[in-house]
Amino acid sequence: MKNPRYLISLGILSMSLFSFSAQAVERGQLMADTCLACHGGTNSEAMIPNLSQYPSSMIISQMKAFRDGSRPATVMTRHAKGYSDEEVALIAKYLGVQGQ
């Protein structure tokens, strides 16, 4: 029979890892939901793109371009400066098309 303390420790570790993973998804979703206020539209002729149609890698590269000024914009340069690389990746993972 296994040591009960070992099993309890293993259970706590498993719950901690699951909790960490769930927090990352929730954080990405929370930040992405603010993006969807403007970028969640279904109008294909809108000036503001629907980000769910873009690859995650493109969302990341464009946010970096807005942040460093290589892609000028009216509002997005200010939004992009408010997110770290990690946060941009979480947003892109939640919003974008994966694997492209």
N, C-alpha and C. Protein backbone atom coordinates (compact mmCIF):
# COMPACT_ATOMS: atom_id res chain seq x y z
N MET A 1 0.84 -1.18 0.00
CA MET A 1 0.00 0.00 0.00
C MET A 1 0.89 1.25 0.00
N LYS A 2 0.50 2.22 -0.78
CA LYS A 2 1.29 3.46 -0.88
C LYS A 2 1.17 4.26 0.42
N ASN A 3 2.16 5.06 0.64
CA ASN A 3 2.17 5.95 1.79
C ASN A 3 1.06 6.99 1.62
N PRO A 4 0.15 7.12 2.59
CA PRO A 4 -0.96 8.09 2.47
C PRO A 4 -0.47 9.53 2.31
N ARG A 5 0.63 9.86 2.95
CA ARG A 5 1.16 11.23 2.82
C ARG A 5 1.61 11.49 1.38
N TYR A 6 2.19 10.48 0.76
CA TYR A 6 2.61 10.59 -0.64
C TYR A 6 1.41 10.85 -1.54
N LEU A 7 0.34 10.11 -1.32
CA LEU A 7 -0.87 10.28 -2.14
C LEU A 7 -1.50 11.65 -1.93
N ILE A 8 -1.51 12.10 -0.69
CA ILE A 8 -2.06 13.44 -0.40
C ILE A 8 -1.21 14.51 -1.08
N SER A 9 0.10 14.38 -0.97
CA SER A 9 1.00 15.35 -1.61
C SER A 9 0.81 15.35 -3.13
N LEU A 10 0.68 14.16 -3.70
CA LEU A 10 0.45 14.06 -5.14
C LEU A 10 -0.87 14.72 -5.53
N GLY A 11 -1.89 14.52 -4.72
CA GLY A 11 -3.20 15.14 -4.99
C GLY A 11 -3.12 16.65 -4.92
N ILE A 12 -2.42 17.16 -3.93
CA ILE A 12 -2.29 18.61 -3.78
C ILE A 12 -1.51 19.19 -4.95
N LEU A 13 -0.44 18.51 -5.36
CA LEU A 13 0.34 18.97 -6.50
C LEU A 13 -0.51 18.99 -7.77
N SER A 14 -1.30 17.94 -7.98
CA SER A 14 -2.17 17.89 -9.16
C SER A 14 -3.17 19.03 -9.16
N MET A 15 -3.78 19.29 -8.01
CA MET A 15 -4.75 20.39 -7.93
C MET A 15 -4.08 21.73 -8.17
N SER A 16 -2.86 21.90 -7.67
CA SER A 16 -2.13 23.15 -7.87
C SER A 16 -1.83 23.38 -9.34
N LEU A 17 -1.39 22.33 -10.03
CA LEU A 17 -1.10 22.46 -11.45
C LEU A 17 -2.35 22.76 -12.24
N PHE A 18 -3.46 22.11 -11.90
CA PHE A 18 -4.72 22.39 -12.59
C PHE A 18 -5.16 23.81 -12.32
N SER A 19 -5.02 24.26 -11.09
CA SER A 19 -5.41 25.62 -10.72
C SER A 19 -4.57 26.64 -11.49
N PHE A 20 -3.26 26.40 -11.60
CA PHE A 20 -2.40 27.31 -12.35
C PHE A 20 -2.83 27.39 -13.81
N SER A 21 -3.11 26.26 -14.40
CA SER A 21 -3.55 26.22 -15.80
C SER A 21 -4.88 26.94 -15.96
N ALA A 22 -5.80 26.71 -15.07
CA ALA A 22 -7.11 27.37 -15.15
C ALA A 22 -6.98 28.87 -14.97
N GLN A 23 -6.08 29.31 -14.09
CA GLN A 23 -5.88 30.75 -13.89
C GLN A 23 -5.33 31.40 -15.15
N ALA A 24 -4.42 30.75 -15.83
CA ALA A 24 -3.85 31.31 -17.05
C ALA A 24 -4.92 31.47 -18.11
N VAL A 25 -5.78 30.48 -18.25
CA VAL A 25 -6.86 30.57 -19.24
C VAL A 25 -7.83 31.67 -18.85
N GLU A 26 -8.20 31.73 -17.59
CA GLU A 26 -9.13 32.75 -17.15
C GLU A 26 -8.55 34.15 -17.34
N ARG A 27 -7.27 34.30 -17.06
CA ARG A 27 -6.63 35.60 -17.23
C ARG A 27 -6.60 36.00 -18.70
N GLY A 28 -6.26 35.05 -19.59
CA GLY A 28 -6.28 35.32 -21.01
C GLY A 28 -7.66 35.67 -21.51
N GLN A 29 -8.65 34.94 -21.02
CA GLN A 29 -10.01 35.20 -21.43
C GLN A 29 -10.48 36.56 -20.92
N LEU A 30 -10.13 36.88 -19.70
CA LEU A 30 -10.52 38.17 -19.13
C LEU A 30 -9.96 39.33 -19.95
N MET A 31 -8.69 39.24 -20.30
CA MET A 31 -8.08 40.31 -21.10
C MET A 31 -8.65 40.31 -22.52
N ALA A 32 -8.86 39.13 -23.09
CA ALA A 32 -9.38 39.04 -24.45
C ALA A 32 -10.81 39.56 -24.54
N ASP A 33 -11.57 39.37 -23.49
CA ASP A 33 -12.95 39.86 -23.51
C ASP A 33 -13.01 41.37 -23.70
N THR A 34 -12.03 42.09 -23.16
CA THR A 34 -12.02 43.54 -23.37
C THR A 34 -11.73 43.87 -24.84
N CYS A 35 -10.92 43.02 -25.49
CA CYS A 35 -10.62 43.23 -26.92
C CYS A 35 -11.87 43.03 -27.77
N LEU A 36 -12.70 42.08 -27.34
CA LEU A 36 -13.88 41.73 -28.13
C LEU A 36 -14.93 42.85 -28.15
N ALA A 37 -14.79 43.80 -27.26
CA ALA A 37 -15.72 44.93 -27.29
C ALA A 37 -15.66 45.62 -28.65
N CYS A 38 -14.49 45.67 -29.24
CA CYS A 38 -14.34 46.27 -30.56
C CYS A 38 -14.07 45.23 -31.65
N HIS A 39 -13.34 44.17 -31.30
CA HIS A 39 -12.85 43.22 -32.30
C HIS A 39 -13.65 41.93 -32.38
N GLY A 40 -14.87 41.94 -31.91
CA GLY A 40 -15.67 40.72 -31.94
C GLY A 40 -16.81 40.77 -32.92
N GLY A 41 -16.85 41.79 -33.76
CA GLY A 41 -17.95 41.98 -34.68
C GLY A 41 -18.01 40.96 -35.79
N THR A 42 -19.17 40.84 -36.35
CA THR A 42 -19.38 39.90 -37.45
C THR A 42 -19.51 40.60 -38.79
N ASN A 43 -19.48 41.91 -38.80
CA ASN A 43 -19.60 42.66 -40.03
C ASN A 43 -18.30 42.57 -40.82
N SER A 44 -18.32 41.88 -41.94
CA SER A 44 -17.10 41.67 -42.72
C SER A 44 -16.58 42.96 -43.37
N GLU A 45 -17.39 43.99 -43.42
CA GLU A 45 -16.96 45.26 -44.02
C GLU A 45 -16.51 46.27 -42.97
N ALA A 46 -16.50 45.87 -41.73
CA ALA A 46 -16.10 46.79 -40.66
C ALA A 46 -14.63 47.13 -40.76
N MET A 47 -14.27 48.31 -40.32
CA MET A 47 -12.87 48.74 -40.33
C MET A 47 -12.06 48.03 -39.24
N ILE A 48 -12.73 47.59 -38.20
CA ILE A 48 -12.06 46.92 -37.09
C ILE A 48 -12.15 45.41 -37.33
N PRO A 49 -11.02 44.71 -37.45
CA PRO A 49 -11.07 43.28 -37.77
C PRO A 49 -11.59 42.43 -36.62
N ASN A 50 -12.24 41.34 -36.98
CA ASN A 50 -12.68 40.34 -36.02
C ASN A 50 -11.47 39.43 -35.76
N LEU A 51 -10.92 39.49 -34.57
CA LEU A 51 -9.68 38.79 -34.27
C LEU A 51 -9.81 37.28 -34.25
N SER A 52 -11.01 36.76 -34.16
CA SER A 52 -11.17 35.31 -34.15
C SER A 52 -10.85 34.70 -35.52
N GLN A 53 -10.68 35.53 -36.52
CA GLN A 53 -10.36 35.06 -37.86
C GLN A 53 -8.87 35.13 -38.16
N TYR A 54 -8.07 35.59 -37.20
CA TYR A 54 -6.64 35.76 -37.40
C TYR A 54 -5.85 34.71 -36.63
N PRO A 55 -4.72 34.27 -37.19
CA PRO A 55 -3.85 33.34 -36.45
C PRO A 55 -3.30 34.02 -35.19
N SER A 56 -3.11 33.23 -34.16
CA SER A 56 -2.55 33.76 -32.92
C SER A 56 -1.21 34.44 -33.15
N SER A 57 -0.39 33.84 -34.01
CA SER A 57 0.94 34.41 -34.28
C SER A 57 0.83 35.81 -34.89
N MET A 58 -0.18 36.04 -35.69
CA MET A 58 -0.37 37.36 -36.30
C MET A 58 -0.82 38.38 -35.25
N ILE A 59 -1.67 37.96 -34.35
CA ILE A 59 -2.11 38.87 -33.28
C ILE A 59 -0.90 39.30 -32.46
N ILE A 60 -0.04 38.35 -32.14
CA ILE A 60 1.16 38.66 -31.36
C ILE A 60 2.07 39.62 -32.12
N SER A 61 2.34 39.34 -33.38
CA SER A 61 3.25 40.20 -34.15
C SER A 61 2.67 41.61 -34.32
N GLN A 62 1.38 41.71 -34.53
CA GLN A 62 0.77 43.03 -34.72
C GLN A 62 0.75 43.82 -33.42
N MET A 63 0.50 43.15 -32.30
CA MET A 63 0.53 43.85 -31.01
C MET A 63 1.94 44.38 -30.72
N LYS A 64 2.95 43.59 -31.06
CA LYS A 64 4.33 44.05 -30.87
C LYS A 64 4.64 45.23 -31.79
N ALA A 65 4.12 45.18 -33.00
CA ALA A 65 4.33 46.29 -33.95
C ALA A 65 3.63 47.56 -33.48
N PHE A 66 2.43 47.42 -32.93
CA PHE A 66 1.75 48.59 -32.37
C PHE A 66 2.56 49.15 -31.20
N ARG A 67 3.06 48.26 -30.36
CA ARG A 67 3.78 48.68 -29.16
C ARG A 67 5.09 49.39 -29.48
N ASP A 68 5.84 48.88 -30.47
CA ASP A 68 7.12 49.52 -30.79
C ASP A 68 7.00 50.65 -31.81
N GLY A 69 5.78 50.90 -32.29
CA GLY A 69 5.55 52.03 -33.19
C GLY A 69 5.79 51.73 -34.66
N SER A 70 6.16 50.49 -35.00
CA SER A 70 6.39 50.17 -36.41
C SER A 70 5.08 50.03 -37.18
N ARG A 71 3.97 49.88 -36.48
CA ARG A 71 2.66 49.92 -37.12
C ARG A 71 1.86 51.04 -36.45
N PRO A 72 1.70 52.15 -37.13
CA PRO A 72 0.97 53.27 -36.54
C PRO A 72 -0.52 52.98 -36.44
N ALA A 73 -1.13 53.55 -35.44
CA ALA A 73 -2.58 53.39 -35.24
C ALA A 73 -3.07 54.51 -34.34
N THR A 74 -4.37 54.67 -34.28
CA THR A 74 -4.93 55.72 -33.43
C THR A 74 -5.03 55.28 -31.98
N VAL A 75 -5.59 54.11 -31.73
CA VAL A 75 -5.83 53.66 -30.37
C VAL A 75 -4.96 52.46 -29.99
N MET A 76 -4.67 51.59 -30.94
CA MET A 76 -4.01 50.33 -30.61
C MET A 76 -2.59 50.51 -30.08
N THR A 77 -1.90 51.57 -30.46
CA THR A 77 -0.56 51.79 -29.91
C THR A 77 -0.62 51.95 -28.39
N ARG A 78 -1.65 52.64 -27.94
CA ARG A 78 -1.81 52.84 -26.48
C ARG A 78 -2.24 51.55 -25.79
N HIS A 79 -3.15 50.80 -26.41
CA HIS A 79 -3.57 49.52 -25.82
C HIS A 79 -2.39 48.56 -25.73
N ALA A 80 -1.63 48.44 -26.80
CA ALA A 80 -0.54 47.47 -26.86
C ALA A 80 0.53 47.75 -25.81
N LYS A 81 0.77 49.00 -25.52
CA LYS A 81 1.78 49.35 -24.52
C LYS A 81 1.37 48.92 -23.11
N GLY A 82 0.11 48.64 -22.92
CA GLY A 82 -0.38 48.23 -21.60
C GLY A 82 -0.25 46.75 -21.31
N TYR A 83 0.23 45.97 -22.27
CA TYR A 83 0.33 44.52 -22.09
C TYR A 83 1.78 44.05 -22.20
N SER A 84 2.14 43.11 -21.35
CA SER A 84 3.46 42.47 -21.44
C SER A 84 3.43 41.43 -22.56
N ASP A 85 4.59 40.91 -22.91
CA ASP A 85 4.65 39.84 -23.92
C ASP A 85 3.82 38.63 -23.49
N GLU A 86 3.91 38.28 -22.22
CA GLU A 86 3.14 37.15 -21.69
C GLU A 86 1.64 37.39 -21.83
N GLU A 87 1.20 38.59 -21.51
CA GLU A 87 -0.22 38.90 -21.61
C GLU A 87 -0.70 38.89 -23.06
N VAL A 88 0.10 39.41 -23.96
CA VAL A 88 -0.25 39.39 -25.39
C VAL A 88 -0.39 37.94 -25.86
N ALA A 89 0.52 37.08 -25.42
CA ALA A 89 0.45 35.66 -25.81
C ALA A 89 -0.81 35.00 -25.26
N LEU A 90 -1.20 35.32 -24.04
CA LEU A 90 -2.43 34.77 -23.46
C LEU A 90 -3.66 35.24 -24.24
N ILE A 91 -3.68 36.50 -24.59
CA ILE A 91 -4.79 37.06 -25.36
C ILE A 91 -4.87 36.37 -26.72
N ALA A 92 -3.72 36.27 -27.39
CA ALA A 92 -3.69 35.66 -28.72
C ALA A 92 -4.10 34.20 -28.67
N LYS A 93 -3.69 33.50 -27.63
CA LYS A 93 -4.06 32.09 -27.49
C LYS A 93 -5.57 31.95 -27.35
N TYR A 94 -6.18 32.85 -26.62
CA TYR A 94 -7.62 32.78 -26.42
C TYR A 94 -8.39 33.23 -27.66
N LEU A 95 -7.95 34.29 -28.31
CA LEU A 95 -8.69 34.88 -29.42
C LEU A 95 -8.41 34.27 -30.77
N GLY A 96 -7.15 34.01 -31.04
CA GLY A 96 -6.74 33.68 -32.40
C GLY A 96 -6.97 32.25 -32.81
N VAL A 97 -6.79 32.05 -34.11
CA VAL A 97 -6.86 30.71 -34.69
C VAL A 97 -5.55 30.02 -34.39
N GLN A 98 -5.60 28.87 -33.75
CA GLN A 98 -4.39 28.16 -33.33
C GLN A 98 -3.77 27.39 -34.50
N GLY A 99 -2.46 27.26 -34.43
CA GLY A 99 -1.74 26.44 -35.40
C GLY A 99 -1.51 27.08 -36.75
N GLN A 100 -1.68 28.36 -36.84
CA GLN A 100 -1.45 29.05 -38.11
C GLN A 100 -0.41 30.12 -37.93
